[in-house]
Amino acid sequence: MRHSQLKAFHYVAKHGGFSRAAEALFLTQPAISEQVRKLEQDHDLLLFKRERKRVNLTVEGEQLYRYTKQYFEIEDQIEDYLSETKAAIDGELRIVADSAHHLTDFLGPFRKKYSNITITVRAGNTEDILEELRTYNAEIGVVGSVSPGKDMSVLSLGSTEIVAFTSRELLLASKPTLSLAELADLPLIFREQGSKTREKLEDEANKRGILLKPAIVAEGREAVRELVASGAGIGFVSQAEYGHDDRLRQIKLQDVDLQMGESMIYLSQRREVKTIRAFMDFANSVLETNQTSPMPDR
């Protein structure tokens, strides 16, 4: 097994094709193809399914790609360590969050300090986020879980209660609260399986012998919000993520205290990745500043 063979394979998998990998590595396509062919031949493995002009990873290829992502990330860290260190930090930071709301205190100021870092933000539920971090498809996650796993490092962002919300037309304003039993008779809009908000609500209802059956299941918080605003039913969200929307009205859940904690997480074994280290150090400093700042006079 040669480094050049692994690198050729990794770049084909990363860029989705032999010609794109060749461009990224400044090599010819035949050279890339030959390196991958030798890797497959030497180890009696089929790494790619070649269909016309498209290539897809086989099961064995997917597993090897997981390893090469770790392998070449370590190589980058070694290069950073040897060549560094007071140079400006650059690179890519991929964040997957269950709600972008929890990033508002961090991203703007972070970008001002580290303008050479490219940031992408995607939405996902807790299960999606953990999978993306563990497969090296993201660096930072924001999840509604205080214990995402022993392989994750966690920075708590605090917690707020879970509330219901509805369109102003669906329920009268004279109904400021709802019990779990009352919810069972109303049209409910839940997020997809894997949502911690949904999980907590259903678990509490089950403990009380109440079945909460959704009228609609929608993928993503924004989809739920728009369906609720249209008058289709009642949605649920943590207080911190409720925001402001003139179309909606918040309803407190009666006789229940469901708290949704939010955490910023990353894969512990990647703690020395420079973009992760920079962002987590920055997030820690922001939280510490917010906690020690005096309350404004009223």
C-alpha atoms as a PDB file:
ATOM      1  CA  MET A   1       0.000   0.000   0.000  1.00  0.00           C
ATOM      2  CA  ARG A   2       1.467   3.323  -1.056  1.00  0.00           C
ATOM      3  CA  HIS A   3       0.659   6.822   0.107  1.00  0.00           C
ATOM      4  CA  SER A   4       0.083   7.892  -3.499  1.00  0.00           C
ATOM      5  CA  GLN A   5      -2.503   5.134  -3.995  1.00  0.00           C
ATOM      6  CA  LEU A   6      -4.421   6.113  -0.882  1.00  0.00           C
ATOM      7  CA  LYS A   7      -4.296   9.769  -1.870  1.00  0.00           C
ATOM      8  CA  ALA A   8      -5.623   9.029  -5.351  1.00  0.00           C
ATOM      9  CA  PHE A   9      -8.465   6.952  -3.879  1.00  0.00           C
ATOM     10  CA  HIS A  10      -9.261   9.610  -1.263  1.00  0.00           C
ATOM     11  CA  TYR A  11      -9.500  12.418  -3.794  1.00  0.00           C
ATOM     12  CA  VAL A  12     -11.693  10.406  -6.177  1.00  0.00           C
ATOM     13  CA  ALA A  13     -14.048   9.655  -3.284  1.00  0.00           C
ATOM     14  CA  LYS A  14     -13.942  13.237  -2.021  1.00  0.00           C
ATOM     15  CA  HIS A  15     -14.553  14.900  -5.403  1.00  0.00           C
ATOM     16  CA  GLY A  16     -16.844  12.267  -6.886  1.00  0.00           C
ATOM     17  CA  GLY A  17     -14.848  11.385  -9.968  1.00  0.00           C
ATOM     18  CA  PHE A  18     -11.447  10.627 -11.477  1.00  0.00           C
ATOM     19  CA  SER A  19     -11.182  13.771 -13.600  1.00  0.00           C
ATOM     20  CA  ARG A  20     -12.038  16.060 -10.665  1.00  0.00           C
ATOM     21  CA  ALA A  21      -9.527  14.246  -8.473  1.00  0.00           C
ATOM     22  CA  ALA A  22      -6.869  14.694 -11.173  1.00  0.00           C
ATOM     23  CA  GLU A  23      -7.581  18.435 -11.318  1.00  0.00           C
ATOM     24  CA  ALA A  24      -7.363  18.762  -7.538  1.00  0.00           C
ATOM     25  CA  LEU A  25      -4.035  16.902  -7.412  1.00  0.00           C
ATOM     26  CA  PHE A  26      -2.623  18.484 -10.582  1.00  0.00           C
ATOM     27  CA  LEU A  27      -2.183  15.058 -12.173  1.00  0.00           C
ATOM     28  CA  THR A  28      -3.536  13.369 -15.278  1.00  0.00           C
ATOM     29  CA  GLN A  29      -6.685  11.269 -15.107  1.00  0.00           C
ATOM     30  CA  PRO A  30      -4.855   8.106 -16.333  1.00  0.00           C
ATOM     31  CA  ALA A  31      -2.344   8.526 -13.495  1.00  0.00           C
ATOM     32  CA  ILE A  32      -5.135   8.708 -10.920  1.00  0.00           C
ATOM     33  CA  SER A  33      -6.947   5.740 -12.463  1.00  0.00           C
ATOM     34  CA  GLU A  34      -3.774   3.650 -12.416  1.00  0.00           C
ATOM     35  CA  GLN A  35      -3.097   4.370  -8.735  1.00  0.00           C
ATOM     36  CA  VAL A  36      -6.634   3.362  -7.768  1.00  0.00           C
ATOM     37  CA  ARG A  37      -6.467   0.259 -10.000  1.00  0.00           C
ATOM     38  CA  LYS A  38      -3.243  -0.854  -8.294  1.00  0.00           C
ATOM     39  CA  LEU A  39      -4.739  -0.300  -4.849  1.00  0.00           C
ATOM     40  CA  GLU A  40      -7.756  -2.443  -5.748  1.00  0.00           C
ATOM     41  CA  GLN A  41      -5.647  -5.100  -7.417  1.00  0.00           C
ATOM     42  CA  ASP A  42      -3.044  -5.385  -4.670  1.00  0.00           C
ATOM     43  CA  HIS A  43      -5.692  -5.857  -2.003  1.00  0.00           C
ATOM     44  CA  ASP A  44      -8.314  -7.701  -4.042  1.00  0.00           C
ATOM     45  CA  LEU A  45     -10.949  -5.041  -3.341  1.00  0.00           C
ATOM     46  CA  LEU A  46     -13.508  -3.244  -5.468  1.00  0.00           C
ATOM     47  CA  LEU A  47     -13.611   0.306  -4.126  1.00  0.00           C
ATOM     48  CA  PHE A  48     -15.730   2.016  -6.767  1.00  0.00           C
ATOM     49  CA  LYS A  49     -18.748   1.029  -8.833  1.00  0.00           C
ATOM     50  CA  ARG A  50     -18.077   2.500 -12.280  1.00  0.00           C
ATOM     51  CA  GLU A  51     -21.260   3.267 -14.198  1.00  0.00           C
ATOM     52  CA  ARG A  52     -20.825   5.227 -17.413  1.00  0.00           C
ATOM     53  CA  LYS A  53     -19.316   8.566 -16.339  1.00  0.00           C
ATOM     54  CA  ARG A  54     -20.281   8.201 -12.692  1.00  0.00           C
ATOM     55  CA  VAL A  55     -18.432   6.501  -9.855  1.00  0.00           C
ATOM     56  CA  ASN A  56     -19.891   5.474  -6.524  1.00  0.00           C
ATOM     57  CA  LEU A  57     -18.201   3.970  -3.498  1.00  0.00           C
ATOM     58  CA  THR A  58     -18.788   0.315  -2.713  1.00  0.00           C
ATOM     59  CA  VAL A  59     -19.365  -0.767   0.908  1.00  0.00           C
ATOM     60  CA  GLU A  60     -15.623  -1.474   1.196  1.00  0.00           C
ATOM     61  CA  GLY A  61     -14.883   1.864  -0.407  1.00  0.00           C
ATOM     62  CA  GLU A  62     -17.102   3.691   2.100  1.00  0.00           C
ATOM     63  CA  GLN A  63     -15.226   2.105   4.983  1.00  0.00           C
ATOM     64  CA  LEU A  64     -11.816   2.909   3.519  1.00  0.00           C
ATOM     65  CA  TYR A  65     -12.937   6.496   2.868  1.00  0.00           C
ATOM     66  CA  ARG A  66     -13.768   6.877   6.556  1.00  0.00           C
ATOM     67  CA  TYR A  67     -10.200   5.853   7.387  1.00  0.00           C
ATOM     68  CA  THR A  68      -8.560   8.043   4.740  1.00  0.00           C
ATOM     69  CA  LYS A  69     -10.465  11.094   5.986  1.00  0.00           C
ATOM     70  CA  GLN A  70      -8.850  10.543   9.374  1.00  0.00           C
ATOM     71  CA  TYR A  71      -5.478   9.685   7.815  1.00  0.00           C
ATOM     72  CA  PHE A  72      -5.194  12.821   5.693  1.00  0.00           C
ATOM     73  CA  GLU A  73      -6.537  15.039   8.451  1.00  0.00           C
ATOM     74  CA  ILE A  74      -3.685  13.854  10.682  1.00  0.00           C
ATOM     75  CA  GLU A  75      -1.298  14.573   7.809  1.00  0.00           C
ATOM     76  CA  ASP A  76      -2.669  18.134   7.643  1.00  0.00           C
ATOM     77  CA  GLN A  77      -2.213  18.538  11.390  1.00  0.00           C
ATOM     78  CA  ILE A  78       1.401  17.408  11.164  1.00  0.00           C
ATOM     79  CA  GLU A  79       2.003  19.876   8.345  1.00  0.00           C
ATOM     80  CA  ASP A  80       0.372  22.665  10.378  1.00  0.00           C
ATOM     81  CA  TYR A  81       2.517  21.807  13.387  1.00  0.00           C
ATOM     82  CA  LEU A  82       5.740  21.760  11.434  1.00  0.00           C
ATOM     83  CA  SER A  83       5.110  24.828   9.300  1.00  0.00           C
ATOM     84  CA  GLU A  84       3.066  26.962  11.607  1.00  0.00           C
ATOM     85  CA  THR A  85       2.570  28.798  13.907  1.00  0.00           C
ATOM     86  CA  LYS A  86       1.840  32.427  14.076  1.00  0.00           C
ATOM     87  CA  ALA A  87       0.462  32.510  10.576  1.00  0.00           C
ATOM     88  CA  ALA A  88      -3.220  33.311  10.143  1.00  0.00           C
ATOM     89  CA  ILE A  89      -5.483  30.305  10.647  1.00  0.00           C
ATOM     90  CA  ASP A  90      -7.341  29.242   7.525  1.00  0.00           C
ATOM     91  CA  GLY A  91      -9.342  26.242   6.392  1.00  0.00           C
ATOM     92  CA  GLU A  92     -12.931  25.015   6.423  1.00  0.00           C
ATOM     93  CA  LEU A  93     -15.341  24.787   9.341  1.00  0.00           C
ATOM     94  CA  ARG A  94     -18.517  22.775   8.697  1.00  0.00           C
ATOM     95  CA  ILE A  95     -21.229  23.175  11.315  1.00  0.00           C
ATOM     96  CA  VAL A  96     -24.413  21.120  11.551  1.00  0.00           C
ATOM     97  CA  ALA A  97     -27.005  22.520  13.966  1.00  0.00           C
ATOM     98  CA  ASP A  98     -30.487  21.605  15.061  1.00  0.00           C
ATOM     99  CA  SER A  99     -31.150  25.342  15.065  1.00  0.00           C
ATOM    100  CA  ALA A 100     -29.015  28.165  13.675  1.00  0.00           C
ATOM    101  CA  HIS A 101     -30.398  30.362  16.454  1.00  0.00           C
ATOM    102  CA  HIS A 102     -27.815  28.973  18.866  1.00  0.00           C
ATOM    103  CA  LEU A 103     -24.976  30.211  16.657  1.00  0.00           C
ATOM    104  CA  THR A 104     -25.978  33.877  16.458  1.00  0.00           C
ATOM    105  CA  ASP A 105     -23.705  34.970  19.327  1.00  0.00           C
ATOM    106  CA  PHE A 106     -20.683  33.263  17.808  1.00  0.00           C
ATOM    107  CA  LEU A 107     -20.493  33.304  14.017  1.00  0.00           C
ATOM    108  CA  GLY A 108     -20.340  37.045  13.304  1.00  0.00           C
ATOM    109  CA  PRO A 109     -17.606  37.846  15.838  1.00  0.00           C
ATOM    110  CA  PHE A 110     -15.719  34.645  14.959  1.00  0.00           C
ATOM    111  CA  ARG A 111     -15.656  35.575  11.262  1.00  0.00           C
ATOM    112  CA  LYS A 112     -14.238  39.003  12.117  1.00  0.00           C
ATOM    113  CA  LYS A 113     -11.403  37.391  14.051  1.00  0.00           C
ATOM    114  CA  TYR A 114     -10.759  34.516  11.611  1.00  0.00           C
ATOM    115  CA  SER A 115     -11.641  35.887   8.204  1.00  0.00           C
ATOM    116  CA  ASN A 116      -9.611  33.190   6.406  1.00  0.00           C
ATOM    117  CA  ILE A 117     -11.818  30.364   7.676  1.00  0.00           C
ATOM    118  CA  THR A 118     -14.669  29.361   5.378  1.00  0.00           C
ATOM    119  CA  ILE A 119     -17.799  28.457   7.341  1.00  0.00           C
ATOM    120  CA  THR A 120     -20.758  26.409   6.160  1.00  0.00           C
ATOM    121  CA  VAL A 121     -23.859  25.817   8.284  1.00  0.00           C
ATOM    122  CA  ARG A 122     -26.384  23.050   7.681  1.00  0.00           C
ATOM    123  CA  ALA A 123     -29.488  21.941   9.554  1.00  0.00           C
ATOM    124  CA  GLY A 124     -30.070  18.483  11.008  1.00  0.00           C
ATOM    125  CA  ASN A 125     -31.555  16.651  13.966  1.00  0.00           C
ATOM    126  CA  THR A 126     -29.439  15.147  16.734  1.00  0.00           C
ATOM    127  CA  GLU A 127     -29.041  11.736  15.087  1.00  0.00           C
ATOM    128  CA  ASP A 128     -27.980  13.318  11.789  1.00  0.00           C
ATOM    129  CA  ILE A 129     -25.487  15.589  13.518  1.00  0.00           C
ATOM    130  CA  LEU A 130     -23.776  12.794  15.443  1.00  0.00           C
ATOM    131  CA  GLU A 131     -23.455  10.734  12.264  1.00  0.00           C
ATOM    132  CA  GLU A 132     -21.958  13.665  10.332  1.00  0.00           C
ATOM    133  CA  LEU A 133     -19.376  14.318  13.049  1.00  0.00           C
ATOM    134  CA  ARG A 134     -18.413  10.653  13.356  1.00  0.00           C
ATOM    135  CA  THR A 135     -17.953  10.266   9.605  1.00  0.00           C
ATOM    136  CA  TYR A 136     -15.798  13.434   9.386  1.00  0.00           C
ATOM    137  CA  ASN A 137     -18.419  15.253   7.289  1.00  0.00           C
ATOM    138  CA  ALA A 138     -18.609  18.118   9.795  1.00  0.00           C
ATOM    139  CA  GLU A 139     -16.398  19.648  12.473  1.00  0.00           C
ATOM    140  CA  ILE A 140     -18.894  21.189  14.933  1.00  0.00           C
ATOM    141  CA  GLY A 141     -22.398  20.150  15.948  1.00  0.00           C
ATOM    142  CA  VAL A 142     -25.103  21.929  17.942  1.00  0.00           C
ATOM    143  CA  VAL A 143     -27.505  19.426  19.471  1.00  0.00           C
ATOM    144  CA  GLY A 144     -30.309  19.168  22.003  1.00  0.00           C
ATOM    145  CA  SER A 145     -28.536  16.486  24.006  1.00  0.00           C
ATOM    146  CA  VAL A 146     -26.367  16.793  27.103  1.00  0.00           C
ATOM    147  CA  SER A 147     -24.838  13.320  26.632  1.00  0.00           C
ATOM    148  CA  PRO A 148     -24.159  12.755  22.924  1.00  0.00           C
ATOM    149  CA  GLY A 149     -21.600  10.000  23.604  1.00  0.00           C
ATOM    150  CA  LYS A 150     -18.222   9.363  25.215  1.00  0.00           C
ATOM    151  CA  ASP A 151     -16.453  10.069  21.932  1.00  0.00           C
ATOM    152  CA  MET A 152     -17.703  13.665  21.923  1.00  0.00           C
ATOM    153  CA  SER A 153     -16.437  16.753  23.753  1.00  0.00           C
ATOM    154  CA  VAL A 154     -19.281  18.960  24.964  1.00  0.00           C
ATOM    155  CA  LEU A 155     -19.736  22.664  25.681  1.00  0.00           C
ATOM    156  CA  SER A 156     -23.098  23.398  27.309  1.00  0.00           C
ATOM    157  CA  LEU A 157     -25.056  26.353  25.942  1.00  0.00           C
ATOM    158  CA  GLY A 158     -27.702  26.214  28.671  1.00  0.00           C
ATOM    159  CA  SER A 159     -31.325  25.082  28.603  1.00  0.00           C
ATOM    160  CA  THR A 160     -34.854  26.486  28.260  1.00  0.00           C
ATOM    161  CA  GLU A 161     -38.318  24.975  28.555  1.00  0.00           C
ATOM    162  CA  ILE A 162     -40.196  23.360  25.682  1.00  0.00           C
ATOM    163  CA  VAL A 163     -43.308  25.293  24.655  1.00  0.00           C
ATOM    164  CA  ALA A 164     -46.122  24.753  22.177  1.00  0.00           C
ATOM    165  CA  PHE A 165     -46.975  27.285  19.493  1.00  0.00           C
ATOM    166  CA  THR A 166     -49.862  27.773  17.118  1.00  0.00           C
ATOM    167  CA  SER A 167     -51.238  30.199  14.551  1.00  0.00           C
ATOM    168  CA  ARG A 168     -53.295  33.037  15.987  1.00  0.00           C
ATOM    169  CA  GLU A 169     -56.403  31.717  14.247  1.00  0.00           C
ATOM    170  CA  LEU A 170     -56.239  28.079  15.388  1.00  0.00           C
ATOM    171  CA  LEU A 171     -56.784  28.576  19.141  1.00  0.00           C
ATOM    172  CA  LEU A 172     -58.324  31.466  21.024  1.00  0.00           C
ATOM    173  CA  ALA A 173     -56.005  33.830  22.871  1.00  0.00           C
ATOM    174  CA  SER A 174     -57.998  33.000  26.001  1.00  0.00           C
ATOM    175  CA  LYS A 175     -56.252  29.605  25.965  1.00  0.00           C
ATOM    176  CA  PRO A 176     -52.734  30.489  27.234  1.00  0.00           C
ATOM    177  CA  THR A 177     -51.881  26.953  28.418  1.00  0.00           C
ATOM    178  CA  LEU A 178     -52.465  23.360  27.323  1.00  0.00           C
ATOM    179  CA  SER A 179     -52.149  20.082  29.208  1.00  0.00           C
ATOM    180  CA  LEU A 180     -50.710  16.932  27.655  1.00  0.00           C
ATOM    181  CA  ALA A 181     -54.172  15.367  27.784  1.00  0.00           C
ATOM    182  CA  GLU A 182     -55.628  18.288  25.824  1.00  0.00           C
ATOM    183  CA  LEU A 183     -52.876  17.983  23.227  1.00  0.00           C
ATOM    184  CA  ALA A 184     -53.999  14.411  22.478  1.00  0.00           C
ATOM    185  CA  ASP A 185     -57.246  15.806  20.988  1.00  0.00           C
ATOM    186  CA  LEU A 186     -55.595  18.478  18.838  1.00  0.00           C
ATOM    187  CA  PRO A 187     -53.789  18.355  15.457  1.00  0.00           C
ATOM    188  CA  LEU A 188     -50.077  18.103  16.274  1.00  0.00           C
ATOM    189  CA  ILE A 189     -47.137  18.806  13.989  1.00  0.00           C
ATOM    190  CA  PHE A 190     -43.988  16.917  14.954  1.00  0.00           C
ATOM    191  CA  ARG A 191     -40.505  16.911  13.563  1.00  0.00           C
ATOM    192  CA  GLU A 192     -39.007  13.743  12.124  1.00  0.00           C
ATOM    193  CA  GLN A 193     -37.777  10.853  14.277  1.00  0.00           C
ATOM    194  CA  GLY A 194     -34.443  11.817  15.840  1.00  0.00           C
ATOM    195  CA  SER A 195     -35.687  15.184  17.103  1.00  0.00           C
ATOM    196  CA  LYS A 196     -34.902  15.553  20.812  1.00  0.00           C
ATOM    197  CA  THR A 197     -37.828  17.942  21.315  1.00  0.00           C
ATOM    198  CA  ARG A 198     -40.226  15.335  19.959  1.00  0.00           C
ATOM    199  CA  GLU A 199     -38.556  12.552  21.955  1.00  0.00           C
ATOM    200  CA  LYS A 200     -38.865  14.413  25.265  1.00  0.00           C
ATOM    201  CA  LEU A 201     -42.504  15.307  24.638  1.00  0.00           C
ATOM    202  CA  GLU A 202     -43.497  11.764  23.654  1.00  0.00           C
ATOM    203  CA  ASP A 203     -41.583  10.198  26.567  1.00  0.00           C
ATOM    204  CA  GLU A 204     -43.338  12.422  29.106  1.00  0.00           C
ATOM    205  CA  ALA A 205     -46.753  11.729  27.555  1.00  0.00           C
ATOM    206  CA  ASN A 206     -46.094   7.967  27.568  1.00  0.00           C
ATOM    207  CA  LYS A 207     -45.213   8.085  31.272  1.00  0.00           C
ATOM    208  CA  ARG A 208     -48.670   9.513  31.891  1.00  0.00           C
ATOM    209  CA  GLY A 209     -50.432   7.032  29.632  1.00  0.00           C
ATOM    210  CA  ILE A 210     -51.206   9.660  26.999  1.00  0.00           C
ATOM    211  CA  LEU A 211     -50.789   8.977  23.293  1.00  0.00           C
ATOM    212  CA  LEU A 212     -49.660  11.966  21.259  1.00  0.00           C
ATOM    213  CA  LYS A 213     -50.191  11.109  17.613  1.00  0.00           C
ATOM    214  CA  PRO A 214     -48.962  13.663  15.053  1.00  0.00           C
ATOM    215  CA  ALA A 215     -51.304  14.825  12.321  1.00  0.00           C
ATOM    216  CA  ILE A 216     -48.260  15.859  10.270  1.00  0.00           C
ATOM    217  CA  VAL A 217     -44.573  14.936  10.499  1.00  0.00           C
ATOM    218  CA  ALA A 218     -42.290  17.538   8.897  1.00  0.00           C
ATOM    219  CA  GLU A 219     -38.542  17.451   8.365  1.00  0.00           C
ATOM    220  CA  GLY A 220     -36.783  20.427   9.904  1.00  0.00           C
ATOM    221  CA  ARG A 221     -37.793  23.196  12.276  1.00  0.00           C
ATOM    222  CA  GLU A 222     -38.569  25.727   9.549  1.00  0.00           C
ATOM    223  CA  ALA A 223     -40.985  23.329   7.837  1.00  0.00           C
ATOM    224  CA  VAL A 224     -42.814  22.862  11.158  1.00  0.00           C
ATOM    225  CA  ARG A 225     -42.988  26.630  11.685  1.00  0.00           C
ATOM    226  CA  GLU A 226     -44.500  27.274   8.257  1.00  0.00           C
ATOM    227  CA  LEU A 227     -47.078  24.505   8.640  1.00  0.00           C
ATOM    228  CA  VAL A 228     -48.089  25.837  12.054  1.00  0.00           C
ATOM    229  CA  ALA A 229     -48.335  29.376  10.672  1.00  0.00           C
ATOM    230  CA  SER A 230     -50.682  28.108   7.967  1.00  0.00           C
ATOM    231  CA  GLY A 231     -53.085  26.889  10.650  1.00  0.00           C
ATOM    232  CA  ALA A 232     -52.400  23.182  10.118  1.00  0.00           C
ATOM    233  CA  GLY A 233     -51.725  22.376  13.767  1.00  0.00           C
ATOM    234  CA  ILE A 234     -49.658  22.860  16.906  1.00  0.00           C
ATOM    235  CA  GLY A 235     -45.863  22.674  16.958  1.00  0.00           C
ATOM    236  CA  PHE A 236     -43.259  22.439  19.703  1.00  0.00           C
ATOM    237  CA  VAL A 237     -39.926  24.139  20.223  1.00  0.00           C
ATOM    238  CA  SER A 238     -37.581  25.188  23.003  1.00  0.00           C
ATOM    239  CA  GLN A 239     -38.135  28.700  24.348  1.00  0.00           C
ATOM    240  CA  ALA A 240     -34.699  29.787  23.124  1.00  0.00           C
ATOM    241  CA  GLU A 241     -35.602  28.859  19.549  1.00  0.00           C
ATOM    242  CA  TYR A 242     -39.102  30.336  19.461  1.00  0.00           C
ATOM    243  CA  GLY A 243     -37.993  33.717  18.143  1.00  0.00           C
ATOM    244  CA  HIS A 244     -40.501  36.333  16.972  1.00  0.00           C
ATOM    245  CA  ASP A 245     -43.175  35.744  14.374  1.00  0.00           C
ATOM    246  CA  ASP A 246     -46.377  37.817  14.255  1.00  0.00           C
ATOM    247  CA  ARG A 247     -48.236  34.878  12.729  1.00  0.00           C
ATOM    248  CA  LEU A 248     -47.698  32.699  15.789  1.00  0.00           C
ATOM    249  CA  ARG A 249     -48.702  32.556  19.430  1.00  0.00           C
ATOM    250  CA  GLN A 250     -46.826  30.754  22.175  1.00  0.00           C
ATOM    251  CA  ILE A 251     -48.642  28.383  24.548  1.00  0.00           C
ATOM    252  CA  LYS A 252     -47.185  27.141  27.830  1.00  0.00           C
ATOM    253  CA  LEU A 253     -47.412  23.421  28.571  1.00  0.00           C
ATOM    254  CA  GLN A 254     -49.414  22.916  31.757  1.00  0.00           C
ATOM    255  CA  ASP A 255     -48.328  20.726  34.704  1.00  0.00           C
ATOM    256  CA  VAL A 256     -45.075  19.709  33.021  1.00  0.00           C
ATOM    257  CA  ASP A 257     -41.540  21.063  33.009  1.00  0.00           C
ATOM    258  CA  LEU A 258     -39.681  19.832  29.940  1.00  0.00           C
ATOM    259  CA  GLN A 259     -36.283  21.432  29.547  1.00  0.00           C
ATOM    260  CA  MET A 260     -34.289  21.364  26.318  1.00  0.00           C
ATOM    261  CA  GLY A 261     -30.566  21.713  26.816  1.00  0.00           C
ATOM    262  CA  GLU A 262     -28.347  22.713  23.906  1.00  0.00           C
ATOM    263  CA  SER A 263     -24.717  21.727  23.528  1.00  0.00           C
ATOM    264  CA  MET A 264     -21.917  22.506  21.124  1.00  0.00           C
ATOM    265  CA  ILE A 265     -20.014  19.290  20.386  1.00  0.00           C
ATOM    266  CA  TYR A 266     -17.134  17.880  18.364  1.00  0.00           C
ATOM    267  CA  LEU A 267     -15.372  14.542  18.012  1.00  0.00           C
ATOM    268  CA  SER A 268     -12.827  14.389  20.847  1.00  0.00           C
ATOM    269  CA  GLN A 269     -10.130  12.735  18.746  1.00  0.00           C
ATOM    270  CA  ARG A 270     -10.211  15.786  16.426  1.00  0.00           C
ATOM    271  CA  ARG A 271      -9.557  18.340  19.168  1.00  0.00           C
ATOM    272  CA  GLU A 272      -6.243  19.366  17.557  1.00  0.00           C
ATOM    273  CA  VAL A 273      -7.802  20.263  14.206  1.00  0.00           C
ATOM    274  CA  LYS A 274      -6.940  23.950  14.007  1.00  0.00           C
ATOM    275  CA  THR A 275     -10.384  25.213  12.930  1.00  0.00           C
ATOM    276  CA  ILE A 276     -12.119  23.195  15.656  1.00  0.00           C
ATOM    277  CA  ARG A 277      -9.681  24.353  18.300  1.00  0.00           C
ATOM    278  CA  ALA A 278     -10.040  27.999  17.224  1.00  0.00           C
ATOM    279  CA  PHE A 279     -13.843  27.900  17.201  1.00  0.00           C
ATOM    280  CA  MET A 280     -14.247  26.076  20.519  1.00  0.00           C
ATOM    281  CA  ASP A 281     -11.741  28.372  22.262  1.00  0.00           C
ATOM    282  CA  PHE A 282     -13.634  31.354  20.875  1.00  0.00           C
ATOM    283  CA  ALA A 283     -17.046  29.947  21.919  1.00  0.00           C
ATOM    284  CA  ASN A 284     -15.724  29.312  25.441  1.00  0.00           C
ATOM    285  CA  SER A 285     -14.498  32.883  25.727  1.00  0.00           C
ATOM    286  CA  VAL A 286     -17.856  34.279  24.527  1.00  0.00           C
ATOM    287  CA  LEU A 287     -19.788  32.203  27.057  1.00  0.00           C
ATOM    288  CA  GLU A 288     -17.445  33.174  29.884  1.00  0.00           C
ATOM    289  CA  THR A 289     -17.797  36.857  28.960  1.00  0.00           C
ATOM    290  CA  ASN A 290     -21.597  36.599  28.858  1.00  0.00           C
ATOM    291  CA  GLN A 291     -21.676  34.880  32.261  1.00  0.00           C
ATOM    292  CA  THR A 292     -19.498  37.511  33.956  1.00  0.00           C
ATOM    293  CA  SER A 293     -21.054  40.586  32.310  1.00  0.00           C
ATOM    294  CA  PRO A 294     -23.174  42.635  34.759  1.00  0.00           C
ATOM    295  CA  MET A 295     -26.914  42.848  34.143  1.00  0.00           C
ATOM    296  CA  PRO A 296     -27.965  46.189  32.585  1.00  0.00           C
ATOM    297  CA  ASP A 297     -29.833  48.708  34.782  1.00  0.00           C
ATOM    298  CA  ARG A 298     -33.568  48.849  34.153  1.00  0.00           C
END
